[in-house]
């Protein structure tokens, strides 16, 4: 679809509500599909390659852990598609709010995964560079182990070839590998919380709950848990897509992802408290070989997650500028252009925290909280006391508040970034840190015990 034209091939919502009612167990496939996800990402001969529910689950989990209410909004999104007779996020918003809504969503749907691609490149460059620095005999200043070279190499070798697939179902096994590596990383972070945490001084007011920047944290969590931009793609890849099956899949995916994220956050904060960086692995010392292995797994994980986001950016471009169809040549050209721009930007930015916060509050929050709720409220004929409508009325203002206040606080109170620097507690020499507690008693912690022996 080209900018400036209004789609003419969408069926009126009223014509499809009886056939598309989400109470039914029949596959929710409109009789006349938009030229969106399926035609763009799956050619006619590839369309038969469907994924089983387990592969789709790993695709969703991989999409989430890669940035109760989010669970509900994912189900709400598919229910909105059922009510409107559409099978993509873009066509749902277009049918609900017209062309202006379609353009707004297209911008958000492009920006979120595009910025996510940038953040994944930053993570890969930061983590893998420290891995290669631990190779015996390698000069830490060697250009071939620098973050810039690693970002370029991983792009050409892994992320670009994986992103050139036209069928998202092919990423199921890749997502399974990514999820397995995430489990290993979780074990390493937990082990270091036990062995390293007691030796690192706690920051002042470390245990005060819900400080003012908690709103920024909601934005980051929104970034972590959003998979709305590719939910229709995964939904369409199911062998027999139904809302009931999707609901079960999402419940399982969210439970797994919440478990992983809570453990990561808890172990990370218990270890470093106020010193915790946006990229948790920036907190660990470079001579920690166990964490070095964790960094390697983490770098591989984000590289394998990257193609999921590239699929969505390419789909948005195809829908807006090419009527949903990309020839083989344009498929390659668009993919290469998107990845090239994302790579160039990631080479210029090396602080992850601000990227996560801005992407969370400006893109993820409206995609999660505001738009699915608004679409469902406009399409649904259920009474206002219906549970789905009550939750929608709650989610919409929450999303608006997080978006506005989160953006203001991110700009006025940006997160510090110590990219590439060793933290003070990594040095084997004695180091004193003075903290002032609320009772103004100064406590000095000698860090001589933090020599290399801790990390063996």
Protein backbone atom coordinates (compact mmCIF):
# COMPACT_ATOMS: atom_id res chain seq x y z
CA UNK A 1 0.00 0.00 0.00
CA UNK A 2 1.44 3.36 -0.96
CA UNK A 3 1.34 6.38 1.28
CA UNK A 4 -1.56 8.62 0.40
CA UNK A 5 -3.86 5.84 -0.76
CA UNK A 6 -6.56 4.22 1.28
CA UNK A 7 -6.88 0.42 1.20
CA UNK A 8 -9.95 -0.69 -0.72
CA UNK A 9 -9.75 -4.44 -0.22
CA UNK A 10 -10.76 -4.57 3.47
CA UNK A 11 -14.14 -6.05 4.32
CA UNK A 12 -16.51 -4.10 6.57
CA UNK A 13 -16.26 -5.19 10.19
CA UNK A 14 -20.00 -5.89 10.50
CA UNK A 15 -19.89 -8.35 7.60
CA UNK A 16 -17.43 -10.58 9.40
CA UNK A 17 -18.41 -10.50 13.06
CA UNK A 18 -20.70 -13.49 12.88
CA UNK A 19 -18.19 -15.60 11.00
CA UNK A 20 -15.22 -14.23 12.93
CA UNK A 21 -16.61 -14.37 16.47
CA UNK A 22 -13.76 -15.22 18.78
CA UNK A 23 -15.89 -17.59 20.82
CA UNK A 24 -15.65 -20.16 18.07
CA UNK A 25 -12.87 -22.72 17.75
CA UNK A 26 -12.71 -22.51 13.96
CA UNK A 27 -9.53 -21.09 12.51
CA UNK A 28 -9.80 -17.33 12.53
CA UNK A 29 -8.95 -16.65 8.91
CA UNK A 30 -10.93 -13.98 7.10
CA UNK A 31 -12.44 -15.00 3.79
CA UNK A 32 -10.60 -12.16 2.09
CA UNK A 33 -7.12 -11.63 3.52
CA UNK A 34 -5.10 -8.45 3.38
CA UNK A 35 -1.94 -8.48 1.34
CA UNK A 36 0.08 -8.20 4.52
CA UNK A 37 1.84 -10.78 6.67
CA UNK A 38 1.06 -13.88 4.70
CA UNK A 39 1.62 -12.63 1.18
CA UNK A 40 4.63 -10.57 2.21
CA UNK A 41 6.38 -13.14 4.35
CA UNK A 42 5.11 -16.39 2.94
CA UNK A 43 4.86 -17.02 -0.77
CA UNK A 44 2.09 -19.31 -1.97
CA UNK A 45 4.26 -22.42 -2.00
CA UNK A 46 5.79 -21.52 1.35
CA UNK A 47 2.45 -20.77 2.96
CA UNK A 48 1.92 -24.49 3.52
CA UNK A 49 4.93 -24.53 5.86
CA UNK A 50 3.14 -24.01 9.15
CA UNK A 51 4.63 -24.32 12.60
CA UNK A 52 3.42 -26.50 15.42
CA UNK A 53 2.32 -24.82 18.63
CA UNK A 54 5.62 -25.51 20.39
CA UNK A 55 7.64 -23.79 17.66
CA UNK A 56 5.30 -20.81 17.76
CA UNK A 57 5.70 -20.69 21.55
CA UNK A 58 9.48 -20.43 21.22
CA UNK A 59 9.06 -17.71 18.59
CA UNK A 60 6.94 -15.69 21.05
CA UNK A 61 9.26 -16.32 24.01
CA UNK A 62 12.25 -15.39 21.87
CA UNK A 63 10.52 -12.21 20.78
CA UNK A 64 9.76 -11.26 24.39
CA UNK A 65 13.04 -12.05 26.14
CA UNK A 66 15.22 -10.99 23.58
CA UNK A 67 12.31 -6.21 25.35
CA UNK A 68 -0.69 -10.13 33.27
CA UNK A 69 -1.61 -6.93 31.36
CA UNK A 70 0.68 -7.64 28.43
CA UNK A 71 -0.64 -11.19 28.28
CA UNK A 72 -4.18 -9.82 28.12
CA UNK A 73 -3.37 -7.22 25.47
CA UNK A 74 -1.91 -9.90 23.19
CA UNK A 75 -5.13 -11.89 23.41
CA UNK A 76 -7.10 -8.67 22.96
CA UNK A 77 -5.19 -7.95 19.77
CA UNK A 78 -6.19 -11.24 18.16
CA UNK A 79 -9.77 -10.82 19.37
CA UNK A 80 -9.84 -7.43 17.68
CA UNK A 81 -8.65 -9.07 14.49
CA UNK A 82 -11.44 -11.62 14.79
CA UNK A 83 -14.07 -8.93 15.31
CA UNK A 84 -12.87 -6.85 12.38
CA UNK A 85 -12.14 -9.70 9.98
CA UNK A 86 -8.47 -8.80 9.66
CA UNK A 87 -5.30 -10.80 10.16
CA UNK A 88 -2.62 -8.15 10.70
CA UNK A 89 -2.07 -5.42 13.27
CA UNK A 90 -1.97 -2.78 10.54
CA UNK A 91 -5.18 -3.86 8.85
CA UNK A 92 -6.91 -4.05 12.25
CA UNK A 93 -6.06 -0.44 13.04
CA UNK A 94 -6.88 0.64 9.50
CA UNK A 95 -10.34 -0.88 9.74
CA UNK A 96 -10.89 0.62 13.20
CA UNK A 97 -9.44 4.13 12.86
CA UNK A 98 -8.96 4.59 9.14
CA UNK A 99 -5.91 5.67 7.19
CA UNK A 100 -4.50 8.12 9.82
CA UNK A 101 -4.49 5.33 12.39
CA UNK A 102 -2.90 3.01 9.85
CA UNK A 103 -0.03 5.43 9.21
CA UNK A 104 0.53 6.08 12.93
CA UNK A 105 0.68 2.38 13.67
CA UNK A 106 2.96 1.76 10.70
CA UNK A 107 5.42 4.33 12.04
CA UNK A 108 5.35 2.77 15.52
CA UNK A 109 5.56 -0.75 14.13
CA UNK A 110 8.61 0.19 12.13
CA UNK A 111 10.38 2.23 14.81
CA UNK A 112 10.04 -0.29 17.62
CA UNK A 113 11.69 -3.29 15.90
CA UNK A 114 14.16 -1.01 14.10
CA UNK A 115 15.37 0.48 17.40
CA UNK A 116 15.36 -3.03 18.86
CA UNK A 117 17.69 -4.10 16.05
CA UNK A 118 20.00 -1.24 17.01
CA UNK A 119 19.95 -2.30 20.66
CA UNK A 120 20.70 -5.92 19.74
CA UNK A 121 23.71 -4.80 17.73
CA UNK A 122 24.93 -2.73 20.68
CA UNK A 123 24.57 -5.71 23.00
CA UNK A 124 26.32 -8.08 20.59
CA UNK A 125 29.21 -5.68 20.10
CA UNK A 126 29.63 -4.96 23.80
CA UNK A 127 29.40 -8.54 25.03
CA UNK A 128 31.31 -10.41 22.34
CA UNK A 129 34.19 -7.91 22.33
CA UNK A 130 34.81 -8.74 26.00
CA UNK A 131 34.62 -12.45 25.18
CA UNK A 132 37.35 -12.23 22.56
CA UNK A 133 39.51 -10.08 24.83
CA UNK A 134 39.83 -13.09 27.14
CA UNK A 135 41.51 -15.20 24.46
CA UNK A 136 45.16 -15.71 25.57
CA UNK A 137 47.65 -13.65 23.59
CA UNK A 138 45.04 -11.34 22.08
CA UNK A 139 45.76 -7.63 22.40
CA UNK A 140 42.73 -5.90 23.98
CA UNK A 141 43.29 -3.00 21.58
CA UNK A 142 43.19 -5.23 18.50
CA UNK A 143 40.73 -3.77 16.00
CA UNK A 144 39.44 -7.23 15.10
CA UNK A 145 37.98 -7.75 18.58
CA UNK A 146 36.56 -4.24 18.85
CA UNK A 147 32.80 -3.69 19.07
CA UNK A 148 32.64 -2.03 15.63
CA UNK A 149 34.26 -4.96 13.84
CA UNK A 150 32.18 -7.50 15.75
CA UNK A 151 28.93 -5.71 14.92
CA UNK A 152 29.84 -5.67 11.25
CA UNK A 153 31.01 -9.29 11.24
CA UNK A 154 27.94 -10.63 13.07
CA UNK A 155 25.69 -8.68 10.71
CA UNK A 156 27.25 -10.07 7.54
CA UNK A 157 27.74 -13.60 8.87
CA UNK A 158 24.58 -14.27 10.88
CA UNK A 159 21.85 -11.65 11.14
CA UNK A 160 21.66 -10.76 7.45
CA UNK A 161 21.41 -14.37 6.17
CA UNK A 162 18.80 -15.26 8.81
CA UNK A 163 16.83 -12.10 8.05
CA UNK A 164 16.64 -12.96 4.36
CA UNK A 165 14.19 -15.79 5.04
CA UNK A 166 10.70 -15.06 3.76
CA UNK A 167 8.93 -17.47 6.12
CA UNK A 168 8.96 -16.71 9.84
CA UNK A 169 8.20 -20.38 10.56
CA UNK A 170 11.82 -21.18 9.64
CA UNK A 171 12.97 -19.28 12.74
CA UNK A 172 11.29 -21.73 15.14
CA UNK A 173 14.44 -23.83 15.69
CA UNK A 174 16.56 -20.70 15.93
CA UNK A 175 14.26 -19.38 18.64
CA UNK A 176 14.51 -22.70 20.50
CA UNK A 177 18.31 -22.41 20.54
CA UNK A 178 18.04 -18.81 21.74
CA UNK A 179 15.69 -19.80 24.57
CA UNK A 180 18.00 -22.63 25.64
CA UNK A 181 20.98 -20.27 25.79
CA UNK A 182 18.92 -17.85 27.86
CA UNK A 183 18.45 -20.59 30.46
CA UNK A 184 22.23 -21.04 30.69
CA UNK A 185 22.71 -17.29 31.12
CA UNK A 186 20.14 -17.25 33.90
CA UNK A 187 22.07 -19.93 35.77
CA UNK A 188 25.30 -17.93 35.48
CA UNK A 189 23.67 -14.73 36.74
CA UNK A 190 22.18 -16.63 39.69
CA UNK A 191 25.56 -18.19 40.54
CA UNK A 192 27.27 -14.81 40.54
CA UNK A 193 24.54 -13.29 42.69
CA UNK A 194 25.53 -15.82 45.36
CA UNK A 195 29.32 -15.67 44.97
CA UNK A 196 29.86 -12.02 44.02
CA UNK A 197 26.90 -10.14 45.50
CA UNK A 198 28.00 -10.19 49.18
CA UNK A 199 31.34 -8.57 48.29
CA UNK A 200 29.94 -5.53 46.47
CA UNK A 201 28.88 -2.55 48.63
CA UNK A 202 25.22 -1.64 48.46
CA UNK A 203 24.23 1.81 47.31
CA UNK A 204 22.34 4.23 49.50
CA UNK A 205 18.60 3.55 49.70
CA UNK A 206 19.16 0.40 47.68
CA UNK A 207 16.03 -1.26 49.04
CA UNK A 208 13.62 1.67 48.76
CA UNK A 209 10.72 0.48 46.64
CA UNK A 210 9.13 2.39 43.72
CA UNK A 211 11.37 5.43 43.39
CA UNK A 212 10.28 8.20 40.96
CA UNK A 213 12.11 6.58 38.04
CA UNK A 214 9.86 3.52 38.36
CA UNK A 215 7.90 4.95 35.42
CA UNK A 216 11.02 4.68 33.28
CA UNK A 217 11.29 1.07 34.43
CA UNK A 218 7.77 0.42 33.13
CA UNK A 219 8.95 1.67 29.74
CA UNK A 220 11.91 -0.70 29.79
CA UNK A 221 9.65 -3.60 30.81
CA UNK A 222 7.32 -2.69 27.96
CA UNK A 223 10.30 -2.90 25.63
CA UNK A 224 11.19 -6.30 27.07
CA UNK A 225 7.75 -7.88 26.84
CA UNK A 226 6.34 -6.48 23.63
CA UNK A 227 5.77 -8.92 20.81
CA UNK A 228 2.58 -7.29 19.53
CA UNK A 229 4.28 -6.10 16.37
CA UNK A 230 4.90 -9.69 15.27
CA UNK A 231 2.02 -11.43 17.06
CA UNK A 232 -0.09 -11.78 13.90
CA UNK A 233 2.92 -13.26 12.11
CA UNK A 234 3.33 -15.96 14.75
CA UNK A 235 -0.44 -16.45 14.97
CA UNK A 236 -0.65 -16.97 11.21
CA UNK A 237 2.17 -19.52 11.36
CA UNK A 238 0.11 -21.87 13.56
CA UNK A 239 -1.17 -25.02 11.87
CA UNK A 240 -4.75 -24.26 12.94
CA UNK A 241 -4.92 -20.67 14.19
CA UNK A 242 -7.74 -20.09 16.67
CA UNK A 243 -8.14 -17.49 19.41
CA UNK A 244 -8.43 -20.23 22.04
CA UNK A 245 -5.19 -21.86 20.91
CA UNK A 246 -3.50 -18.46 20.73
CA UNK A 247 -4.65 -17.64 24.27
CA UNK A 248 -3.11 -20.84 25.62
CA UNK A 249 0.08 -20.19 23.69
CA UNK A 250 0.36 -16.63 25.00
CA UNK A 251 -0.33 -17.65 28.60
CA UNK A 252 2.49 -20.19 28.43
CA UNK A 253 4.86 -17.80 26.68
CA UNK A 254 4.24 -14.96 29.13
CA UNK A 255 4.65 -17.21 32.17
CA UNK A 256 7.99 -18.50 30.87
CA UNK A 257 9.18 -15.01 29.96
CA UNK A 258 8.07 -13.43 33.25
CA UNK A 259 9.88 -16.15 35.17
CA UNK A 260 13.09 -15.54 33.22
CA UNK A 261 12.88 -11.75 33.42
CA UNK A 262 12.10 -11.67 37.16
CA UNK A 263 15.05 -13.93 37.91
CA UNK A 264 17.35 -11.85 35.73
CA UNK A 265 16.23 -8.60 37.32
CA UNK A 266 16.29 -9.93 40.88
CA UNK A 267 19.69 -11.60 40.63
CA UNK A 268 21.18 -8.62 38.82
CA UNK A 269 19.91 -6.04 41.28
CA UNK A 270 20.73 -8.14 44.36
CA UNK A 271 24.30 -8.32 43.08
CA UNK A 272 24.92 -4.71 42.07
CA UNK A 273 22.01 -2.66 43.53
CA UNK A 274 22.36 0.96 42.35
CA UNK A 275 25.43 0.21 40.24
CA UNK A 276 23.36 -1.94 37.86
CA UNK A 277 23.83 -0.89 34.22
CA UNK A 278 21.32 -1.01 31.37
CA UNK A 279 23.34 -3.92 29.99
CA UNK A 280 23.77 -6.17 33.02
CA UNK A 281 26.93 -7.77 31.66
CA UNK A 282 28.62 -4.37 31.76
CA UNK A 283 28.70 -4.79 35.55
CA UNK A 284 30.77 -7.96 35.60
CA UNK A 285 34.54 -7.97 35.57
CA UNK A 286 36.39 -8.93 32.43
CA UNK A 287 38.54 -11.55 34.16
CA UNK A 288 35.50 -13.58 35.21
CA UNK A 289 35.64 -16.62 32.93
CA UNK A 290 32.22 -17.96 33.92
CA UNK A 291 30.62 -14.64 33.03
CA UNK A 292 32.69 -14.58 29.84
CA UNK A 293 30.91 -17.77 28.80
CA UNK A 294 27.62 -16.12 29.75
CA UNK A 295 28.52 -13.12 27.60
CA UNK A 296 29.12 -15.43 24.66
CA UNK A 297 25.72 -17.09 25.13
CA UNK A 298 24.08 -13.69 25.50
CA UNK A 299 25.68 -12.37 22.32
CA UNK A 300 24.52 -15.42 20.38
CA UNK A 301 21.02 -15.06 21.84
CA UNK A 302 20.53 -11.48 20.67
CA UNK A 303 21.96 -12.33 17.27
CA UNK A 304 19.35 -15.07 16.92
CA UNK A 305 16.59 -12.72 18.10
CA UNK A 306 17.54 -9.98 15.63
CA UNK A 307 15.84 -11.55 12.55
CA UNK A 308 12.43 -11.52 14.29
CA UNK A 309 12.57 -7.74 14.39
CA UNK A 310 13.88 -7.42 10.84
CA UNK A 311 10.90 -9.43 9.57
CA UNK A 312 8.54 -6.82 11.00
CA UNK A 313 10.36 -3.76 9.65
CA UNK A 314 10.42 -5.32 6.20
CA UNK A 315 6.74 -6.19 6.40
CA UNK A 316 5.81 -2.60 7.33
CA UNK A 317 7.79 -1.21 4.41
CA UNK A 318 6.21 -3.74 2.07
CA UNK A 319 2.69 -2.86 3.20
CA UNK A 320 3.09 0.90 3.06
CA UNK A 321 5.13 1.29 -0.11
CA UNK A 322 4.68 -1.93 -2.13
CA UNK A 323 1.05 -2.92 -1.57
CA UNK A 324 2.18 -5.82 0.61
CA UNK A 325 4.09 -7.65 -2.11
CA UNK A 326 7.87 -7.77 -2.44
CA UNK A 327 9.52 -9.43 -5.39
CA UNK A 328 12.60 -11.53 -4.71
CA UNK A 329 14.86 -8.65 -5.73
CA UNK A 330 13.08 -6.02 -3.63
CA UNK A 331 12.91 -8.47 -0.74
CA UNK A 332 16.71 -8.61 -0.71
CA UNK A 333 17.15 -4.87 -1.34
CA UNK A 334 14.79 -3.79 1.45
CA UNK A 335 16.33 -6.27 3.90
CA UNK A 336 19.86 -5.12 3.15
CA UNK A 337 18.91 -1.44 3.40
CA UNK A 338 17.15 -1.82 6.76
CA UNK A 339 19.99 -3.85 8.26
CA UNK A 340 22.63 -1.47 6.88
CA UNK A 341 21.00 1.60 8.44
CA UNK A 342 20.48 -0.18 11.77
CA UNK A 343 24.11 -1.28 11.77
CA UNK A 344 25.42 2.21 11.02
CA UNK A 345 23.37 3.73 13.83
CA UNK A 346 24.49 1.06 16.30
CA UNK A 347 28.11 1.83 15.45
CA UNK A 348 27.56 5.43 16.56
CA UNK A 349 25.69 4.68 19.82
CA UNK A 350 27.22 2.66 22.64
CA UNK A 351 24.91 3.34 25.60
CA UNK A 352 22.06 0.85 25.83
CA UNK A 353 19.99 2.30 28.68
CA UNK A 354 18.68 5.40 26.90
CA UNK A 355 17.84 3.30 23.81
CA UNK A 356 15.73 0.88 25.85
CA UNK A 357 13.92 3.62 27.76
CA UNK A 358 12.99 5.75 24.74
CA UNK A 359 11.93 2.78 22.67
CA UNK A 360 9.87 1.51 25.58
CA UNK A 361 7.94 4.69 26.37
CA UNK A 362 7.52 6.04 22.83
CA UNK A 363 6.94 2.88 20.80
CA UNK A 364 6.30 -0.15 23.00
CA UNK A 365 3.83 1.50 25.38
CA UNK A 366 1.30 2.60 22.73
CA UNK A 367 1.68 -0.72 20.88
CA UNK A 368 0.99 -2.67 24.09
CA UNK A 369 -1.43 -0.61 26.15
CA UNK A 370 -3.12 2.06 24.06
CA UNK A 371 -3.82 0.77 20.56
CA UNK A 372 -5.12 -2.76 21.34
CA UNK A 373 -7.43 -1.34 24.02
CA UNK A 374 -8.72 1.44 21.77
CA UNK A 375 -9.38 -0.97 18.90
CA UNK A 376 -11.24 -3.44 21.08
CA UNK A 377 -13.35 -0.75 22.76
CA UNK A 378 -14.45 0.58 19.38
CA UNK A 379 -15.12 -2.81 17.79
CA UNK A 380 -16.66 -4.79 20.62
CA UNK A 381 -20.42 -4.78 21.17
CA UNK A 382 -20.10 -6.32 24.63
CA UNK A 383 -21.61 -4.36 27.56
CA UNK A 384 -19.33 -1.97 29.43
CA UNK A 385 -19.32 -4.28 32.43
CA UNK A 386 -17.75 -7.09 30.40
CA UNK A 387 -14.35 -8.09 31.82
CA UNK A 388 -12.53 -7.45 28.53
CA UNK A 389 -13.93 -3.93 28.32
CA UNK A 390 -13.15 -3.16 31.95
CA UNK A 391 -9.52 -4.20 31.42
CA UNK A 392 -9.38 -2.14 28.24
CA UNK A 393 -10.65 0.94 30.09
CA UNK A 394 -7.90 0.38 32.68
CA UNK A 395 -5.08 -0.26 30.21
CA UNK A 396 -5.67 2.75 27.98
CA UNK A 397 -5.09 5.56 30.55
CA UNK A 398 -2.24 3.61 32.16
CA UNK A 399 -0.49 3.43 28.81
CA UNK A 400 -1.01 7.13 28.12
CA UNK A 401 0.39 8.08 31.55
CA UNK A 402 3.44 5.85 31.19
CA UNK A 403 4.12 7.20 27.71
CA UNK A 404 3.98 10.89 28.70
CA UNK A 405 5.66 10.78 32.10
CA UNK A 406 8.18 8.15 31.04
CA UNK A 407 9.35 10.28 28.12
CA UNK A 408 9.67 13.40 30.28
CA UNK A 409 11.65 11.57 32.96
CA UNK A 410 13.91 9.85 30.44
CA UNK A 411 14.87 13.20 28.94
CA UNK A 412 15.23 15.08 32.24
CA UNK A 413 16.86 12.23 34.17
CA UNK A 414 18.90 10.15 31.72
CA UNK A 415 20.56 6.97 32.91
CA UNK A 416 24.31 7.04 33.44
CA UNK A 417 26.32 4.80 31.16
CA UNK A 418 29.78 3.41 31.88
CA UNK A 419 30.21 1.50 28.63
CA UNK A 420 33.60 -0.11 28.22
CA UNK A 421 34.81 0.82 31.72
CA UNK A 422 35.77 -1.63 34.42
CA UNK A 423 33.72 -1.11 37.56
CA UNK A 424 35.65 -0.06 40.67
CA UNK A 425 35.13 -3.39 42.41
CA UNK A 426 36.95 -5.27 39.65
CA UNK A 427 40.39 -3.99 40.63
CA UNK A 428 42.43 -6.28 42.90
CA UNK A 429 43.98 -3.43 44.85
CA UNK A 430 42.40 -2.08 47.99
CA UNK A 431 39.61 0.35 47.19
CA UNK A 432 37.49 2.25 49.65
CA UNK A 433 33.95 3.31 48.99
CA UNK A 434 32.18 5.58 51.42
CA UNK A 435 28.42 5.45 51.63
CA UNK A 436 26.32 7.68 53.83
CA UNK A 437 23.23 6.03 55.26
CA UNK A 438 20.09 7.78 56.39
CA UNK A 439 21.56 8.00 59.89
CA UNK A 440 24.63 9.69 58.38
CA UNK A 441 26.93 6.90 59.59
CA UNK A 442 29.82 6.48 57.19
CA UNK A 443 30.67 2.94 56.30
CA UNK A 444 33.88 2.02 54.52
CA UNK A 445 34.17 -1.25 52.67
CA UNK A 446 37.56 -2.66 51.83
CA UNK A 447 37.43 -4.39 48.48
CA UNK A 448 40.78 -6.16 48.59
CA UNK A 449 38.90 -9.46 48.82
CA UNK A 450 37.61 -8.84 45.32
CA UNK A 451 40.70 -10.15 43.60
CA UNK A 452 40.71 -12.66 40.86
CA UNK A 453 40.27 -15.58 43.24
CA UNK A 454 36.57 -14.73 43.60
CA UNK A 455 36.00 -15.46 39.94
CA UNK A 456 37.64 -18.86 39.81
